[in-house]
Amino acid sequence: AEIEQVASAVNELASTANNVSDNATSADATAREADGLAQSGLAIFQESADASAQMSQALNDAAQVVLRLKEQSVQINDVIEVIRGVSEQTNLL
């Protein structure tokens, strides 16, 4: 009877050890999956930050183009005023 009890206890210990091993394997798989998801999230965040920086640079470039266009428009307006002045003086002659 004692041998049967010892055998039963050993079987229970083996079963418990198997359960612990299964749970550890499952926890490891879950941790690896979580790590993979975290890495993917980090990569997506980095891509978003890079895209945002590129958009910011494109907006700055566009602002510079608009500023140059404004300056050139003022210069064109000055030339038109000179031509208008010459035209008015020519009409006076």
N, C-alpha and C. Protein backbone atom coordinates (compact mmCIF):
# COMPACT_ATOMS: atom_id res chain seq x y z
N ALA A 1 0.82 -1.20 0.00
CA ALA A 1 0.00 0.00 0.00
C ALA A 1 0.86 1.25 0.00
N GLU A 2 1.96 1.20 0.78
CA GLU A 2 2.83 2.37 0.79
C GLU A 2 3.48 2.58 -0.56
N ILE A 3 3.82 1.49 -1.20
CA ILE A 3 4.44 1.59 -2.52
C ILE A 3 3.47 2.22 -3.50
N GLU A 4 2.20 1.84 -3.39
CA GLU A 4 1.18 2.42 -4.28
C GLU A 4 1.03 3.92 -4.00
N GLN A 5 1.07 4.30 -2.72
CA GLN A 5 0.96 5.73 -2.37
C GLN A 5 2.16 6.51 -2.91
N VAL A 6 3.34 5.93 -2.77
CA VAL A 6 4.55 6.59 -3.28
C VAL A 6 4.47 6.69 -4.80
N ALA A 7 4.04 5.63 -5.44
CA ALA A 7 3.91 5.64 -6.90
C ALA A 7 2.88 6.68 -7.33
N SER A 8 1.79 6.76 -6.61
CA SER A 8 0.75 7.75 -6.92
C SER A 8 1.29 9.17 -6.73
N ALA A 9 2.04 9.37 -5.65
CA ALA A 9 2.61 10.69 -5.38
C ALA A 9 3.62 11.06 -6.47
N VAL A 10 4.42 10.08 -6.89
CA VAL A 10 5.40 10.34 -7.95
C VAL A 10 4.68 10.68 -9.25
N ASN A 11 3.60 9.96 -9.54
CA ASN A 11 2.81 10.25 -10.75
C ASN A 11 2.21 11.66 -10.68
N GLU A 12 1.72 12.03 -9.51
CA GLU A 12 1.16 13.38 -9.34
C GLU A 12 2.24 14.44 -9.53
N LEU A 13 3.43 14.18 -8.97
CA LEU A 13 4.54 15.12 -9.14
C LEU A 13 4.93 15.23 -10.61
N ALA A 14 4.95 14.09 -11.30
CA ALA A 14 5.30 14.11 -12.72
C ALA A 14 4.26 14.89 -13.51
N SER A 15 3.00 14.67 -13.18
CA SER A 15 1.92 15.39 -13.86
C SER A 15 2.01 16.89 -13.59
N THR A 16 2.28 17.24 -12.33
CA THR A 16 2.43 18.65 -11.97
C THR A 16 3.63 19.26 -12.69
N ALA A 17 4.72 18.51 -12.77
CA ALA A 17 5.91 19.01 -13.47
C ALA A 17 5.60 19.23 -14.94
N ASN A 18 4.83 18.31 -15.54
CA ASN A 18 4.44 18.48 -16.94
C ASN A 18 3.57 19.72 -17.12
N ASN A 19 2.64 19.92 -16.19
CA ASN A 19 1.78 21.11 -16.26
C ASN A 19 2.61 22.39 -16.14
N VAL A 20 3.55 22.39 -15.21
CA VAL A 20 4.42 23.56 -15.04
C VAL A 20 5.23 23.79 -16.30
N SER A 21 5.74 22.72 -16.88
CA SER A 21 6.52 22.84 -18.12
C SER A 21 5.66 23.39 -19.25
N ASP A 22 4.43 22.87 -19.37
CA ASP A 22 3.51 23.37 -20.41
C ASP A 22 3.21 24.85 -20.21
N ASN A 23 2.95 25.22 -18.95
CA ASN A 23 2.66 26.63 -18.65
C ASN A 23 3.86 27.52 -18.95
N ALA A 24 5.06 27.04 -18.64
CA ALA A 24 6.27 27.82 -18.92
C ALA A 24 6.46 27.98 -20.42
N THR A 25 6.20 26.91 -21.17
CA THR A 25 6.32 26.99 -22.63
C THR A 25 5.31 27.98 -23.19
N SER A 26 4.09 27.92 -22.68
CA SER A 26 3.05 28.84 -23.13
C SER A 26 3.41 30.29 -22.77
N ALA A 27 3.93 30.49 -21.57
CA ALA A 27 4.33 31.84 -21.15
C ALA A 27 5.47 32.35 -22.02
N ASP A 28 6.40 31.47 -22.37
CA ASP A 28 7.52 31.86 -23.23
C ASP A 28 7.01 32.27 -24.61
N ALA A 29 6.08 31.49 -25.16
CA ALA A 29 5.52 31.81 -26.48
C ALA A 29 4.78 33.15 -26.43
N THR A 30 4.03 33.37 -25.36
CA THR A 30 3.30 34.63 -25.22
C THR A 30 4.26 35.80 -25.10
N ALA A 31 5.34 35.61 -24.33
CA ALA A 31 6.33 36.68 -24.18
C ALA A 31 7.01 36.98 -25.51
N ARG A 32 7.32 35.94 -26.27
CA ARG A 32 7.95 36.15 -27.59
C ARG A 32 6.99 36.89 -28.53
N GLU A 33 5.72 36.50 -28.48
CA GLU A 33 4.72 37.18 -29.32
C GLU A 33 4.59 38.65 -28.92
N ALA A 34 4.56 38.91 -27.62
CA ALA A 34 4.47 40.29 -27.14
C ALA A 34 5.70 41.09 -27.57
N ASP A 35 6.87 40.47 -27.51
CA ASP A 35 8.09 41.14 -27.95
C ASP A 35 8.02 41.47 -29.44
N GLY A 36 7.53 40.52 -30.23
CA GLY A 36 7.39 40.76 -31.66
C GLY A 36 6.43 41.90 -31.95
N LEU A 37 5.31 41.92 -31.23
CA LEU A 37 4.34 43.00 -31.42
C LEU A 37 4.93 44.34 -31.00
N ALA A 38 5.69 44.33 -29.91
CA ALA A 38 6.33 45.58 -29.46
C ALA A 38 7.33 46.07 -30.50
N GLN A 39 8.10 45.15 -31.07
CA GLN A 39 9.07 45.54 -32.10
C GLN A 39 8.35 46.10 -33.33
N SER A 40 7.24 45.46 -33.71
CA SER A 40 6.46 45.96 -34.86
C SER A 40 5.91 47.35 -34.56
N GLY A 41 5.40 47.53 -33.35
CA GLY A 41 4.87 48.84 -32.97
C GLY A 41 5.95 49.90 -32.99
N LEU A 42 7.13 49.55 -32.53
CA LEU A 42 8.24 50.49 -32.53
C LEU A 42 8.64 50.86 -33.95
N ALA A 43 8.66 49.87 -34.84
CA ALA A 43 9.01 50.13 -36.24
C ALA A 43 7.97 51.04 -36.89
N ILE A 44 6.69 50.79 -36.61
CA ILE A 44 5.63 51.64 -37.17
C ILE A 44 5.76 53.06 -36.63
N PHE A 45 6.05 53.20 -35.34
CA PHE A 45 6.22 54.52 -34.76
C PHE A 45 7.39 55.25 -35.42
N GLN A 46 8.49 54.54 -35.66
CA GLN A 46 9.66 55.16 -36.29
C GLN A 46 9.34 55.60 -37.71
N GLU A 47 8.60 54.75 -38.46
CA GLU A 47 8.21 55.11 -39.82
C GLU A 47 7.32 56.36 -39.80
N SER A 48 6.43 56.42 -38.82
CA SER A 48 5.55 57.58 -38.70
C SER A 48 6.35 58.84 -38.38
N ALA A 49 7.32 58.72 -37.49
CA ALA A 49 8.16 59.87 -37.15
C ALA A 49 8.97 60.33 -38.36
N ASP A 50 9.48 59.37 -39.13
CA ASP A 50 10.25 59.72 -40.34
C ASP A 50 9.36 60.42 -41.36
N ALA A 51 8.14 59.89 -41.54
CA ALA A 51 7.21 60.51 -42.49
C ALA A 51 6.84 61.92 -42.04
N SER A 52 6.67 62.10 -40.74
CA SER A 52 6.34 63.42 -40.21
C SER A 52 7.49 64.40 -40.45
N ALA A 53 8.72 63.94 -40.26
CA ALA A 53 9.88 64.80 -40.51
C ALA A 53 9.98 65.17 -41.98
N GLN A 54 9.71 64.20 -42.86
CA GLN A 54 9.74 64.49 -44.30
C GLN A 54 8.65 65.48 -44.68
N MET A 55 7.47 65.33 -44.08
CA MET A 55 6.38 66.26 -44.37
C MET A 55 6.74 67.67 -43.88
N SER A 56 7.34 67.75 -42.72
CA SER A 56 7.76 69.04 -42.18
C SER A 56 8.78 69.70 -43.10
N GLN A 57 9.73 68.92 -43.61
CA GLN A 57 10.73 69.46 -44.52
C GLN A 57 10.08 69.92 -45.82
N ALA A 58 9.12 69.14 -46.33
CA ALA A 58 8.43 69.52 -47.56
C ALA A 58 7.65 70.82 -47.36
N LEU A 59 7.03 70.98 -46.20
CA LEU A 59 6.30 72.23 -45.92
C LEU A 59 7.25 73.41 -45.82
N ASN A 60 8.40 73.20 -45.20
CA ASN A 60 9.40 74.28 -45.12
C ASN A 60 9.90 74.66 -46.51
N ASP A 61 10.13 73.65 -47.35
CA ASP A 61 10.57 73.93 -48.72
C ASP A 61 9.51 74.71 -49.48
N ALA A 62 8.25 74.31 -49.32
CA ALA A 62 7.15 75.01 -49.99
C ALA A 62 7.05 76.45 -49.51
N ALA A 63 7.24 76.67 -48.22
CA ALA A 63 7.20 78.03 -47.67
C ALA A 63 8.31 78.88 -48.27
N GLN A 64 9.49 78.30 -48.46
CA GLN A 64 10.60 79.03 -49.08
C GLN A 64 10.28 79.40 -50.52
N VAL A 65 9.65 78.48 -51.25
CA VAL A 65 9.26 78.76 -52.63
C VAL A 65 8.26 79.91 -52.68
N VAL A 66 7.27 79.87 -51.79
CA VAL A 66 6.27 80.94 -51.74
C VAL A 66 6.93 82.27 -51.41
N LEU A 67 7.87 82.27 -50.49
CA LEU A 67 8.57 83.51 -50.13
C LEU A 67 9.36 84.06 -51.32
N ARG A 68 10.04 83.18 -52.06
CA ARG A 68 10.77 83.63 -53.25
C ARG A 68 9.81 84.17 -54.31
N LEU A 69 8.68 83.50 -54.47
CA LEU A 69 7.68 83.99 -55.44
C LEU A 69 7.18 85.38 -55.05
N LYS A 70 6.99 85.59 -53.76
CA LYS A 70 6.54 86.90 -53.29
C LYS A 70 7.60 87.96 -53.61
N GLU A 71 8.86 87.64 -53.32
CA GLU A 71 9.94 88.60 -53.59
C GLU A 71 10.03 88.90 -55.09
N GLN A 72 9.91 87.87 -55.91
CA GLN A 72 9.97 88.08 -57.36
C GLN A 72 8.76 88.86 -57.85
N SER A 73 7.62 88.65 -57.22
CA SER A 73 6.42 89.40 -57.58
C SER A 73 6.61 90.89 -57.30
N VAL A 74 7.24 91.19 -56.16
CA VAL A 74 7.52 92.59 -55.82
C VAL A 74 8.47 93.19 -56.86
N GLN A 75 9.49 92.43 -57.26
CA GLN A 75 10.43 92.92 -58.27
C GLN A 75 9.73 93.16 -59.61
N ILE A 76 8.86 92.24 -59.98
CA ILE A 76 8.10 92.42 -61.23
C ILE A 76 7.22 93.66 -61.14
N ASN A 77 6.61 93.86 -59.99
CA ASN A 77 5.77 95.04 -59.80
C ASN A 77 6.60 96.32 -59.92
N ASP A 78 7.83 96.31 -59.39
CA ASP A 78 8.71 97.48 -59.51
C ASP A 78 9.03 97.77 -60.97
N VAL A 79 9.32 96.72 -61.75
CA VAL A 79 9.60 96.89 -63.18
C VAL A 79 8.38 97.46 -63.89
N ILE A 80 7.21 96.95 -63.55
CA ILE A 80 5.97 97.46 -64.17
C ILE A 80 5.79 98.94 -63.85
N GLU A 81 6.08 99.33 -62.63
CA GLU A 81 5.95 100.75 -62.25
C GLU A 81 6.92 101.62 -63.05
N VAL A 82 8.15 101.13 -63.26
CA VAL A 82 9.12 101.88 -64.07
C VAL A 82 8.60 102.01 -65.50
N ILE A 83 8.12 100.91 -66.05
CA ILE A 83 7.57 100.94 -67.43
C ILE A 83 6.39 101.89 -67.49
N ARG A 84 5.53 101.86 -66.50
CA ARG A 84 4.36 102.75 -66.47
C ARG A 84 4.82 104.22 -66.42
N GLY A 85 5.84 104.48 -65.59
CA GLY A 85 6.36 105.84 -65.50
C GLY A 85 6.94 106.31 -66.82
N VAL A 86 7.72 105.44 -67.48
CA VAL A 86 8.29 105.79 -68.78
C VAL A 86 7.17 106.00 -69.79
N SER A 87 6.16 105.17 -69.75
CA SER A 87 5.03 105.28 -70.68
C SER A 87 4.29 106.61 -70.48
N GLU A 88 4.09 106.98 -69.23
CA GLU A 88 3.40 108.25 -68.95
C GLU A 88 4.23 109.43 -69.44
N GLN A 89 5.55 109.38 -69.25
CA GLN A 89 6.41 110.47 -69.71
C GLN A 89 6.43 110.52 -71.23
N THR A 90 6.40 109.35 -71.86
CA THR A 90 6.37 109.32 -73.32
C THR A 90 5.08 109.94 -73.83
N ASN A 91 3.99 109.68 -73.16
CA ASN A 91 2.70 110.25 -73.56
C ASN A 91 2.69 111.77 -73.37
N LEU A 92 3.46 112.26 -72.42
CA LEU A 92 3.51 113.70 -72.19
C LEU A 92 4.26 114.41 -73.30
N LEU A 93 5.20 113.72 -73.94
CA LEU A 93 5.98 114.33 -75.01
C LEU A 93 5.09 114.45 -76.21
